[in-house]
PDB file of N, CA and C in Angstrom:
ATOM      1  N   MET A   1      -0.010   5.477  -9.245  1.00  0.00           N
ATOM      2  CA  MET A   1       0.581   6.689  -8.748  1.00  0.00           C
ATOM      3  C   MET A   1       0.502   6.717  -7.226  1.00  0.00           C
ATOM      4  N   PHE A   2       1.583   7.132  -6.608  1.00  0.00           N
ATOM      5  CA  PHE A   2       1.583   7.356  -5.165  1.00  0.00           C
ATOM      6  C   PHE A   2       1.149   8.789  -4.898  1.00  0.00           C
ATOM      7  N   GLU A   3       0.241   8.965  -3.958  1.00  0.00           N
ATOM      8  CA  GLU A   3      -0.141  10.294  -3.492  1.00  0.00           C
ATOM      9  C   GLU A   3       0.356  10.438  -2.064  1.00  0.00           C
ATOM     10  N   LEU A   4       1.218  11.411  -1.861  1.00  0.00           N
ATOM     11  CA  LEU A   4       1.758  11.705  -0.542  1.00  0.00           C
ATOM     12  C   LEU A   4       0.923  12.833   0.052  1.00  0.00           C
ATOM     13  N   LYS A   5       0.375  12.611   1.235  1.00  0.00           N
ATOM     14  CA  LYS A   5      -0.540  13.580   1.844  1.00  0.00           C
ATOM     15  C   LYS A   5      -0.037  14.019   3.209  1.00  0.00           C
ATOM     16  N   ASN A   6      -0.133  15.315   3.455  1.00  0.00           N
ATOM     17  CA  ASN A   6       0.169  15.861   4.774  1.00  0.00           C
ATOM     18  C   ASN A   6      -1.104  15.747   5.593  1.00  0.00           C
ATOM     19  N   LYS A   7      -1.051  14.952   6.663  1.00  0.00           N
ATOM     20  CA  LYS A   7      -2.235  14.725   7.493  1.00  0.00           C
ATOM     21  C   LYS A   7      -2.513  15.922   8.387  1.00  0.00           C
ATOM     22  N   GLU A   8      -1.580  16.247   9.249  1.00  0.00           N
ATOM     23  CA  GLU A   8      -1.684  17.416  10.112  1.00  0.00           C
ATOM     24  C   GLU A   8      -0.309  17.648  10.721  1.00  0.00           C
ATOM     25  N   GLY A   9       0.104  18.877  10.742  1.00  0.00           N
ATOM     26  CA  GLY A   9       1.441  19.168  11.245  1.00  0.00           C
ATOM     27  C   GLY A   9       2.498  18.513  10.388  1.00  0.00           C
ATOM     28  N   ALA A  10       3.390  17.742  11.016  1.00  0.00           N
ATOM     29  CA  ALA A  10       4.487  17.091  10.301  1.00  0.00           C
ATOM     30  C   ALA A  10       4.146  15.650   9.929  1.00  0.00           C
ATOM     31  N   ASN A  11       2.890  15.243  10.104  1.00  0.00           N
ATOM     32  CA  ASN A  11       2.501  13.862   9.828  1.00  0.00           C
ATOM     33  C   ASN A  11       2.115  13.670   8.368  1.00  0.00           C
ATOM     34  N   TYR A  12       2.600  12.583   7.785  1.00  0.00           N
ATOM     35  CA  TYR A  12       2.340  12.270   6.379  1.00  0.00           C
ATOM     36  C   TYR A  12       1.860  10.832   6.250  1.00  0.00           C
ATOM     37  N   HIS A  13       1.121  10.590   5.177  1.00  0.00           N
ATOM     38  CA  HIS A  13       0.777   9.218   4.810  1.00  0.00           C
ATOM     39  C   HIS A  13       0.619   9.189   3.297  1.00  0.00           C
ATOM     40  N   PHE A  14       0.663   7.994   2.738  1.00  0.00           N
ATOM     41  CA  PHE A  14       0.539   7.884   1.286  1.00  0.00           C
ATOM     42  C   PHE A  14      -0.450   6.797   0.911  1.00  0.00           C
ATOM     43  N   VAL A  15      -0.958   6.921  -0.306  1.00  0.00           N
ATOM     44  CA  VAL A  15      -1.786   5.888  -0.904  1.00  0.00           C
ATOM     45  C   VAL A  15      -1.213   5.574  -2.281  1.00  0.00           C
ATOM     46  N   LEU A  16      -1.412   4.348  -2.720  1.00  0.00           N
ATOM     47  CA  LEU A  16      -1.080   3.939  -4.082  1.00  0.00           C
ATOM     48  C   LEU A  16      -2.391   3.778  -4.817  1.00  0.00           C
ATOM     49  N   LYS A  17      -2.500   4.453  -5.962  1.00  0.00           N
ATOM     50  CA  LYS A  17      -3.713   4.380  -6.763  1.00  0.00           C
ATOM     51  C   LYS A  17      -3.445   3.634  -8.061  1.00  0.00           C
ATOM     52  N   ALA A  18      -4.419   2.835  -8.471  1.00  0.00           N
ATOM     53  CA  ALA A  18      -4.363   2.159  -9.770  1.00  0.00           C
ATOM     54  C   ALA A  18      -4.620   3.192 -10.862  1.00  0.00           C
ATOM     55  N   LYS A  19      -4.448   2.776 -12.096  1.00  0.00           N
ATOM     56  CA  LYS A  19      -4.656   3.692 -13.228  1.00  0.00           C
ATOM     57  C   LYS A  19      -6.070   4.258 -13.277  1.00  0.00           C
ATOM     58  N   ASN A  20      -7.052   3.508 -12.736  1.00  0.00           N
ATOM     59  CA  ASN A  20      -8.431   3.983 -12.721  1.00  0.00           C
ATOM     60  C   ASN A  20      -8.728   4.916 -11.545  1.00  0.00           C
ATOM     61  N   GLY A  21      -7.712   5.227 -10.738  1.00  0.00           N
ATOM     62  CA  GLY A  21      -7.866   6.145  -9.618  1.00  0.00           C
ATOM     63  C   GLY A  21      -8.266   5.491  -8.310  1.00  0.00           C
ATOM     64  N   GLN A  22      -8.518   4.197  -8.323  1.00  0.00           N
ATOM     65  CA  GLN A  22      -8.915   3.487  -7.112  1.00  0.00           C
ATOM     66  C   GLN A  22      -7.709   3.282  -6.194  1.00  0.00           C
ATOM     67  N   VAL A  23      -7.907   3.528  -4.901  1.00  0.00           N
ATOM     68  CA  VAL A  23      -6.837   3.302  -3.918  1.00  0.00           C
ATOM     69  C   VAL A  23      -6.669   1.802  -3.723  1.00  0.00           C
ATOM     70  N   ILE A  24      -5.435   1.318  -3.923  1.00  0.00           N
ATOM     71  CA  ILE A  24      -5.172  -0.118  -3.776  1.00  0.00           C
ATOM     72  C   ILE A  24      -4.262  -0.429  -2.593  1.00  0.00           C
ATOM     73  N   LEU A  25      -3.637   0.608  -2.009  1.00  0.00           N
ATOM     74  CA  LEU A  25      -2.768   0.400  -0.844  1.00  0.00           C
ATOM     75  C   LEU A  25      -2.678   1.711  -0.070  1.00  0.00           C
ATOM     76  N   SER A  26      -2.770   1.628   1.259  1.00  0.00           N
ATOM     77  CA  SER A  26      -2.656   2.802   2.121  1.00  0.00           C
ATOM     78  C   SER A  26      -1.581   2.552   3.167  1.00  0.00           C
ATOM     79  N   SER A  27      -0.845   3.601   3.499  1.00  0.00           N
ATOM     80  CA  SER A  27       0.227   3.466   4.489  1.00  0.00           C
ATOM     81  C   SER A  27      -0.257   3.847   5.881  1.00  0.00           C
ATOM     82  N   GLU A  28       0.614   3.586   6.831  1.00  0.00           N
ATOM     83  CA  GLU A  28       0.433   4.114   8.175  1.00  0.00           C
ATOM     84  C   GLU A  28       0.731   5.607   8.138  1.00  0.00           C
ATOM     85  N   VAL A  29       0.566   6.294   9.271  1.00  0.00           N
ATOM     86  CA  VAL A  29       0.943   7.701   9.367  1.00  0.00           C
ATOM     87  C   VAL A  29       2.396   7.775   9.812  1.00  0.00           C
ATOM     88  N   TYR A  30       3.164   8.547   9.082  1.00  0.00           N
ATOM     89  CA  TYR A  30       4.592   8.744   9.389  1.00  0.00           C
ATOM     90  C   TYR A  30       4.777  10.106  10.043  1.00  0.00           C
ATOM     91  N   ASN A  31       5.828  10.235  10.861  1.00  0.00           N
ATOM     92  CA  ASN A  31       6.042  11.495  11.572  1.00  0.00           C
ATOM     93  C   ASN A  31       6.886  12.497  10.794  1.00  0.00           C
ATOM     94  N   SER A  32       7.238  12.170   9.556  1.00  0.00           N
ATOM     95  CA  SER A  32       7.953  13.137   8.720  1.00  0.00           C
ATOM     96  C   SER A  32       7.732  12.800   7.255  1.00  0.00           C
ATOM     97  N   LYS A  33       7.940  13.787   6.401  1.00  0.00           N
ATOM     98  CA  LYS A  33       7.823  13.581   4.960  1.00  0.00           C
ATOM     99  C   LYS A  33       8.880  12.585   4.487  1.00  0.00           C
ATOM    100  N   ALA A  34      10.098  12.704   5.010  1.00  0.00           N
ATOM    101  CA  ALA A  34      11.186  11.801   4.609  1.00  0.00           C
ATOM    102  C   ALA A  34      10.854  10.351   4.951  1.00  0.00           C
ATOM    103  N   ALA A  35      10.257  10.119   6.119  1.00  0.00           N
ATOM    104  CA  ALA A  35       9.892   8.759   6.513  1.00  0.00           C
ATOM    105  C   ALA A  35       8.819   8.197   5.579  1.00  0.00           C
ATOM    106  N   ALA A  36       7.861   9.023   5.193  1.00  0.00           N
ATOM    107  CA  ALA A  36       6.820   8.583   4.255  1.00  0.00           C
ATOM    108  C   ALA A  36       7.430   8.277   2.888  1.00  0.00           C
ATOM    109  N   GLU A  37       8.374   9.096   2.440  1.00  0.00           N
ATOM    110  CA  GLU A  37       9.055   8.844   1.172  1.00  0.00           C
ATOM    111  C   GLU A  37       9.850   7.540   1.227  1.00  0.00           C
ATOM    112  N   ASN A  38      10.442   7.239   2.376  1.00  0.00           N
ATOM    113  CA  ASN A  38      11.133   5.961   2.555  1.00  0.00           C
ATOM    114  C   ASN A  38      10.142   4.802   2.483  1.00  0.00           C
ATOM    115  N   GLY A  39       8.941   5.019   3.017  1.00  0.00           N
ATOM    116  CA  GLY A  39       7.894   4.007   2.939  1.00  0.00           C
ATOM    117  C   GLY A  39       7.511   3.718   1.493  1.00  0.00           C
ATOM    118  N   ILE A  40       7.386   4.764   0.678  1.00  0.00           N
ATOM    119  CA  ILE A  40       7.079   4.603  -0.742  1.00  0.00           C
ATOM    120  C   ILE A  40       8.185   3.802  -1.429  1.00  0.00           C
ATOM    121  N   ALA A  41       9.435   4.141  -1.124  1.00  0.00           N
ATOM    122  CA  ALA A  41      10.564   3.411  -1.709  1.00  0.00           C
ATOM    123  C   ALA A  41      10.515   1.934  -1.317  1.00  0.00           C
ATOM    124  N   SER A  42      10.103   1.664  -0.079  1.00  0.00           N
ATOM    125  CA  SER A  42      10.014   0.283   0.393  1.00  0.00           C
ATOM    126  C   SER A  42       8.892  -0.475  -0.325  1.00  0.00           C
ATOM    127  N   VAL A  43       7.770   0.192  -0.570  1.00  0.00           N
ATOM    128  CA  VAL A  43       6.693  -0.445  -1.332  1.00  0.00           C
ATOM    129  C   VAL A  43       7.194  -0.805  -2.726  1.00  0.00           C
ATOM    130  N   LYS A  44       7.872   0.146  -3.382  1.00  0.00           N
ATOM    131  CA  LYS A  44       8.389  -0.108  -4.727  1.00  0.00           C
ATOM    132  C   LYS A  44       9.337  -1.303  -4.735  1.00  0.00           C
ATOM    133  N   LYS A  45      10.177  -1.383  -3.710  1.00  0.00           N
ATOM    134  CA  LYS A  45      11.181  -2.448  -3.625  1.00  0.00           C
ATOM    135  C   LYS A  45      10.546  -3.815  -3.360  1.00  0.00           C
ATOM    136  N   ASN A  46       9.523  -3.857  -2.516  1.00  0.00           N
ATOM    137  CA  ASN A  46       8.956  -5.128  -2.061  1.00  0.00           C
ATOM    138  C   ASN A  46       7.723  -5.584  -2.830  1.00  0.00           C
ATOM    139  N   ALA A  47       7.134  -4.727  -3.643  1.00  0.00           N
ATOM    140  CA  ALA A  47       5.858  -5.022  -4.295  1.00  0.00           C
ATOM    141  C   ALA A  47       5.895  -6.252  -5.187  1.00  0.00           C
ATOM    142  N   GLY A  48       7.027  -6.518  -5.810  1.00  0.00           N
ATOM    143  CA  GLY A  48       7.110  -7.627  -6.753  1.00  0.00           C
ATOM    144  C   GLY A  48       7.250  -9.005  -6.138  1.00  0.00           C
ATOM    145  N   GLU A  49       7.495  -9.072  -4.837  1.00  0.00           N
ATOM    146  CA  GLU A  49       7.742 -10.358  -4.177  1.00  0.00           C
ATOM    147  C   GLU A  49       6.482 -10.872  -3.484  1.00  0.00           C
ATOM    148  N   ASP A  50       5.939 -11.959  -3.989  1.00  0.00           N
ATOM    149  CA  ASP A  50       4.685 -12.499  -3.458  1.00  0.00           C
ATOM    150  C   ASP A  50       4.783 -12.836  -1.970  1.00  0.00           C
ATOM    151  N   ALA A  51       5.963 -13.250  -1.524  1.00  0.00           N
ATOM    152  CA  ALA A  51       6.127 -13.632  -0.115  1.00  0.00           C
ATOM    153  C   ALA A  51       5.952 -12.444   0.829  1.00  0.00           C
ATOM    154  N   ARG A  52       5.997 -11.230   0.324  1.00  0.00           N
ATOM    155  CA  ARG A  52       5.848 -10.030   1.161  1.00  0.00           C
ATOM    156  C   ARG A  52       4.382  -9.687   1.441  1.00  0.00           C
ATOM    157  N   TYR A  53       3.462 -10.416   0.786  1.00  0.00           N
ATOM    158  CA  TYR A  53       2.035 -10.140   0.970  1.00  0.00           C
ATOM    159  C   TYR A  53       1.452 -11.068   2.021  1.00  0.00           C
ATOM    160  N   GLU A  54       0.863 -10.464   3.030  1.00  0.00           N
ATOM    161  CA  GLU A  54       0.185 -11.210   4.089  1.00  0.00           C
ATOM    162  C   GLU A  54      -1.314 -11.150   3.787  1.00  0.00           C
ATOM    163  N   ARG A  55      -1.877 -12.279   3.405  1.00  0.00           N
ATOM    164  CA  ARG A  55      -3.295 -12.357   3.064  1.00  0.00           C
ATOM    165  C   ARG A  55      -4.089 -12.636   4.331  1.00  0.00           C
ATOM    166  N   LYS A  56      -5.144 -11.845   4.560  1.00  0.00           N
ATOM    167  CA  LYS A  56      -5.885 -11.937   5.820  1.00  0.00           C
ATOM    168  C   LYS A  56      -7.392 -11.965   5.553  1.00  0.00           C
ATOM    169  N   THR A  57      -8.115 -12.482   6.522  1.00  0.00           N
ATOM    170  CA  THR A  57      -9.578 -12.431   6.513  1.00  0.00           C
ATOM    171  C   THR A  57     -10.013 -11.681   7.766  1.00  0.00           C
ATOM    172  N   ALA A  58     -10.825 -10.652   7.580  1.00  0.00           N
ATOM    173  CA  ALA A  58     -11.314  -9.852   8.706  1.00  0.00           C
ATOM    174  C   ALA A  58     -12.427 -10.613   9.439  1.00  0.00           C
ATOM    175  N   LYS A  59     -12.769 -10.139  10.620  1.00  0.00           N
ATOM    176  CA  LYS A  59     -13.820 -10.784  11.420  1.00  0.00           C
ATOM    177  C   LYS A  59     -15.161 -10.775  10.705  1.00  0.00           C
ATOM    178  N   ASN A  60     -15.360  -9.796   9.819  1.00  0.00           N
ATOM    179  CA  ASN A  60     -16.624  -9.715   9.087  1.00  0.00           C
ATOM    180  C   ASN A  60     -16.637 -10.595   7.839  1.00  0.00           C
ATOM    181  N   GLY A  61     -15.564 -11.386   7.636  1.00  0.00           N
ATOM    182  CA  GLY A  61     -15.502 -12.297   6.511  1.00  0.00           C
ATOM    183  C   GLY A  61     -14.935 -11.701   5.235  1.00  0.00           C
ATOM    184  N   LYS A  62     -14.611 -10.421   5.254  1.00  0.00           N
ATOM    185  CA  LYS A  62     -14.021  -9.795   4.071  1.00  0.00           C
ATOM    186  C   LYS A  62     -12.515 -10.051   4.057  1.00  0.00           C
ATOM    187  N   PHE A  63     -11.927  -9.851   2.893  1.00  0.00           N
ATOM    188  CA  PHE A  63     -10.511 -10.161   2.690  1.00  0.00           C
ATOM    189  C   PHE A  63      -9.701  -8.878   2.512  1.00  0.00           C
ATOM    190  N   PHE A  64      -8.447  -8.911   2.988  1.00  0.00           N
ATOM    191  CA  PHE A  64      -7.524  -7.800   2.786  1.00  0.00           C
ATOM    192  C   PHE A  64      -6.111  -8.334   2.842  1.00  0.00           C
ATOM    193  N   PHE A  65      -5.163  -7.466   2.489  1.00  0.00           N
ATOM    194  CA  PHE A  65      -3.768  -7.883   2.560  1.00  0.00           C
ATOM    195  C   PHE A  65      -2.908  -6.758   3.106  1.00  0.00           C
ATOM    196  N   ASN A  66      -1.784  -7.159   3.668  1.00  0.00           N
ATOM    197  CA  ASN A  66      -0.742  -6.236   4.094  1.00  0.00           C
ATOM    198  C   ASN A  66       0.489  -6.519   3.258  1.00  0.00           C
ATOM    199  N   LEU A  67       1.194  -5.469   2.893  1.00  0.00           N
ATOM    200  CA  LEU A  67       2.492  -5.605   2.246  1.00  0.00           C
ATOM    201  C   LEU A  67       3.539  -5.330   3.313  1.00  0.00           C
ATOM    202  N   LYS A  68       4.472  -6.271   3.468  1.00  0.00           N
ATOM    203  CA  LYS A  68       5.479  -6.156   4.519  1.00  0.00           C
ATOM    204  C   LYS A  68       6.866  -5.952   3.926  1.00  0.00           C
ATOM    205  N   ALA A  69       7.683  -5.234   4.668  1.00  0.00           N
ATOM    206  CA  ALA A  69       9.085  -5.046   4.306  1.00  0.00           C
ATOM    207  C   ALA A  69       9.873  -6.291   4.704  1.00  0.00           C
ATOM    208  N   THR A  70      11.135  -6.331   4.320  1.00  0.00           N
ATOM    209  CA  THR A  70      11.974  -7.488   4.647  1.00  0.00           C
ATOM    210  C   THR A  70      12.096  -7.711   6.156  1.00  0.00           C
ATOM    211  N   ASN A  71      11.941  -6.653   6.953  1.00  0.00           N
ATOM    212  CA  ASN A  71      12.033  -6.779   8.415  1.00  0.00           C
ATOM    213  C   ASN A  71      10.702  -7.201   9.044  1.00  0.00           C
ATOM    214  N   GLY A  72       9.670  -7.431   8.213  1.00  0.00           N
ATOM    215  CA  GLY A  72       8.380  -7.874   8.726  1.00  0.00           C
ATOM    216  C   GLY A  72       7.419  -6.759   9.062  1.00  0.00           C
ATOM    217  N   GLN A  73       7.866  -5.513   8.963  1.00  0.00           N
ATOM    218  CA  GLN A  73       7.003  -4.374   9.283  1.00  0.00           C
ATOM    219  C   GLN A  73       6.009  -4.127   8.144  1.00  0.00           C
ATOM    220  N   VAL A  74       4.747  -3.880   8.504  1.00  0.00           N
ATOM    221  CA  VAL A  74       3.724  -3.570   7.509  1.00  0.00           C
ATOM    222  C   VAL A  74       4.002  -2.184   6.932  1.00  0.00           C
ATOM    223  N   ILE A  75       4.082  -2.106   5.606  1.00  0.00           N
ATOM    224  CA  ILE A  75       4.320  -0.818   4.951  1.00  0.00           C
ATOM    225  C   ILE A  75       3.096  -0.321   4.193  1.00  0.00           C
ATOM    226  N   GLY A  76       2.103  -1.181   4.054  1.00  0.00           N
ATOM    227  CA  GLY A  76       0.867  -0.777   3.408  1.00  0.00           C
ATOM    228  C   GLY A  76      -0.212  -1.817   3.588  1.00  0.00           C
ATOM    229  N   SER A  77      -1.463  -1.358   3.623  1.00  0.00           N
ATOM    230  CA  SER A  77      -2.606  -2.255   3.771  1.00  0.00           C
ATOM    231  C   SER A  77      -3.629  -1.943   2.685  1.00  0.00           C
ATOM    232  N   SER A  78      -4.346  -2.971   2.278  1.00  0.00           N
ATOM    233  CA  SER A  78      -5.350  -2.803   1.232  1.00  0.00           C
ATOM    234  C   SER A  78      -6.686  -2.393   1.825  1.00  0.00           C
ATOM    235  N   GLN A  79      -7.621  -2.147   0.937  1.00  0.00           N
ATOM    236  CA  GLN A  79      -9.012  -1.985   1.312  1.00  0.00           C
ATOM    237  C   GLN A  79      -9.581  -3.366   1.611  1.00  0.00           C
ATOM    238  N   MET A  80     -10.843  -3.430   1.996  1.00  0.00           N
ATOM    239  CA  MET A  80     -11.525  -4.707   2.207  1.00  0.00           C
ATOM    240  C   MET A  80     -12.132  -5.173   0.882  1.00  0.00           C
ATOM    241  N   TYR A  81     -12.025  -6.464   0.645  1.00  0.00           N
ATOM    242  CA  TYR A  81     -12.575  -7.069  -0.564  1.00  0.00           C
ATOM    243  C   TYR A  81     -13.647  -8.070  -0.177  1.00  0.00           C
ATOM    244  N   ALA A  82     -14.703  -8.164  -0.982  1.00  0.00           N
ATOM    245  CA  ALA A  82     -15.791  -9.098  -0.715  1.00  0.00           C
ATOM    246  C   ALA A  82     -15.384 -10.536  -1.002  1.00  0.00           C
ATOM    247  N   SER A  83     -14.418 -10.731  -1.899  1.00  0.00           N
ATOM    248  CA  SER A  83     -14.015 -12.088  -2.270  1.00  0.00           C
ATOM    249  C   SER A  83     -12.503 -12.236  -2.223  1.00  0.00           C
ATOM    250  N   GLU A  84     -12.076 -13.474  -2.108  1.00  0.00           N
ATOM    251  CA  GLU A  84     -10.652 -13.771  -2.114  1.00  0.00           C
ATOM    252  C   GLU A  84     -10.047 -13.428  -3.478  1.00  0.00           C
ATOM    253  N   SER A  85     -10.800 -13.676  -4.547  1.00  0.00           N
ATOM    254  CA  SER A  85     -10.288 -13.356  -5.886  1.00  0.00           C
ATOM    255  C   SER A  85     -10.127 -11.848  -6.062  1.00  0.00           C
ATOM    256  N   GLY A  86     -11.015 -11.069  -5.461  1.00  0.00           N
ATOM    257  CA  GLY A  86     -10.864  -9.616  -5.496  1.00  0.00           C
ATOM    258  C   GLY A  86      -9.586  -9.175  -4.813  1.00  0.00           C
ATOM    259  N   MET A  87      -9.283  -9.794  -3.668  1.00  0.00           N
ATOM    260  CA  MET A  87      -8.042  -9.494  -2.950  1.00  0.00           C
ATOM    261  C   MET A  87      -6.835  -9.855  -3.815  1.00  0.00           C
ATOM    262  N   GLU A  88      -6.873 -11.007  -4.451  1.00  0.00           N
ATOM    263  CA  GLU A  88      -5.751 -11.422  -5.302  1.00  0.00           C
ATOM    264  C   GLU A  88      -5.575 -10.460  -6.479  1.00  0.00           C
ATOM    265  N   ASN A  89      -6.672  -9.950  -7.019  1.00  0.00           N
ATOM    266  CA  ASN A  89      -6.573  -8.939  -8.074  1.00  0.00           C
ATOM    267  C   ASN A  89      -5.951  -7.656  -7.547  1.00  0.00           C
ATOM    268  N   GLY A  90      -6.259  -7.302  -6.286  1.00  0.00           N
ATOM    269  CA  GLY A  90      -5.641  -6.139  -5.658  1.00  0.00           C
ATOM    270  C   GLY A  90      -4.135  -6.310  -5.518  1.00  0.00           C
ATOM    271  N   ILE A  91      -3.711  -7.490  -5.105  1.00  0.00           N
ATOM    272  CA  ILE A  91      -2.277  -7.786  -4.986  1.00  0.00           C
ATOM    273  C   ILE A  91      -1.614  -7.690  -6.358  1.00  0.00           C
ATOM    274  N   LYS A  92      -2.259  -8.257  -7.360  1.00  0.00           N
ATOM    275  CA  LYS A  92      -1.731  -8.191  -8.724  1.00  0.00           C
ATOM    276  C   LYS A  92      -1.581  -6.740  -9.178  1.00  0.00           C
ATOM    277  N   SER A  93      -2.549  -5.910  -8.825  1.00  0.00           N
ATOM    278  CA  SER A  93      -2.502  -4.496  -9.201  1.00  0.00           C
ATOM    279  C   SER A  93      -1.345  -3.771  -8.516  1.00  0.00           C
ATOM    280  N   VAL A  94      -1.100  -4.081  -7.240  1.00  0.00           N
ATOM    281  CA  VAL A  94       0.037  -3.470  -6.541  1.00  0.00           C
ATOM    282  C   VAL A  94       1.339  -3.908  -7.210  1.00  0.00           C
ATOM    283  N   LYS A  95       1.447  -5.203  -7.500  1.00  0.00           N
ATOM    284  CA  LYS A  95       2.657  -5.724  -8.152  1.00  0.00           C
ATOM    285  C   LYS A  95       2.917  -5.023  -9.484  1.00  0.00           C
ATOM    286  N   GLU A  96       1.853  -4.754 -10.235  1.00  0.00           N
ATOM    287  CA  GLU A  96       1.995  -4.131 -11.551  1.00  0.00           C
ATOM    288  C   GLU A  96       2.215  -2.629 -11.480  1.00  0.00           C
ATOM    289  N   ASN A  97       1.556  -1.963 -10.534  1.00  0.00           N
ATOM    290  CA  ASN A  97       1.573  -0.497 -10.506  1.00  0.00           C
ATOM    291  C   ASN A  97       2.674   0.124  -9.637  1.00  0.00           C
ATOM    292  N   ALA A  98       3.019  -0.512  -8.546  1.00  0.00           N
ATOM    293  CA  ALA A  98       3.923   0.116  -7.576  1.00  0.00           C
ATOM    294  C   ALA A  98       5.352   0.342  -8.055  1.00  0.00           C
ATOM    295  N   PRO A  99       6.007  -0.649  -8.682  1.00  0.00           N
ATOM    296  CA  PRO A  99       7.432  -0.486  -8.948  1.00  0.00           C
ATOM    297  C   PRO A  99       7.811   0.758  -9.769  1.00  0.00           C
ATOM    298  N   ASP A 100       6.994   1.146 -10.720  1.00  0.00           N
ATOM    299  CA  ASP A 100       7.309   2.283 -11.580  1.00  0.00           C
ATOM    300  C   ASP A 100       6.404   3.487 -11.342  1.00  0.00           C
ATOM    301  N   ALA A 101       5.619   3.452 -10.281  1.00  0.00           N
ATOM    302  CA  ALA A 101       4.643   4.531 -10.032  1.00  0.00           C
ATOM    303  C   ALA A 101       5.348   5.842  -9.693  1.00  0.00           C
ATOM    304  N   GLU A 102       4.804   6.912 -10.226  1.00  0.00           N
ATOM    305  CA  GLU A 102       5.288   8.252  -9.884  1.00  0.00           C
ATOM    306  C   GLU A 102       4.695   8.661  -8.553  1.00  0.00           C
ATOM    307  N   MET A 103       5.288   9.696  -7.941  1.00  0.00           N
ATOM    308  CA  MET A 103       4.766  10.213  -6.690  1.00  0.00           C
ATOM    309  C   MET A 103       4.358  11.671  -6.897  1.00  0.00           C
ATOM    310  N   LYS A 104       3.201  12.024  -6.333  1.00  0.00           N
ATOM    311  CA  LYS A 104       2.811  13.427  -6.323  1.00  0.00           C
ATOM    312  C   LYS A 104       2.305  13.770  -4.938  1.00  0.00           C
ATOM    313  N   GLU A 105       2.453  15.027  -4.583  1.00  0.00           N
ATOM    314  CA  GLU A 105       1.942  15.483  -3.294  1.00  0.00           C
ATOM    315  C   GLU A 105       0.527  15.973  -3.479  1.00  0.00           C
ATOM    316  N   ALA A 106      -0.343  15.545  -2.594  1.00  0.00           N
ATOM    317  CA  ALA A 106      -1.749  15.929  -2.676  1.00  0.00           C
ATOM    318  C   ALA A 106      -2.059  17.035  -1.673  1.00  0.00           C
TER     319      ALA A 106
END
């Protein structure tokens, strides 16, 4: 499920949650609700394509990923994972959950 949140004023951001309620992807802050909704649509569109996932290692040795749109812009980032396999499971979860996920406003 996507949760669309009003940060402050006209700023919005969203998270994608797995069925267990864990956040598996977080967006940047958008300057309008419509822009955030477009971001959700972009996640749904790009989630199934493995080439859209940028796998990274942080300076602290933990793993994370970014989901990118066709233009190369990051549309969502994961949490930090202790292992590479944990990160790959996170990517698998986004691929499975995002395309058909409902959206609710939090």
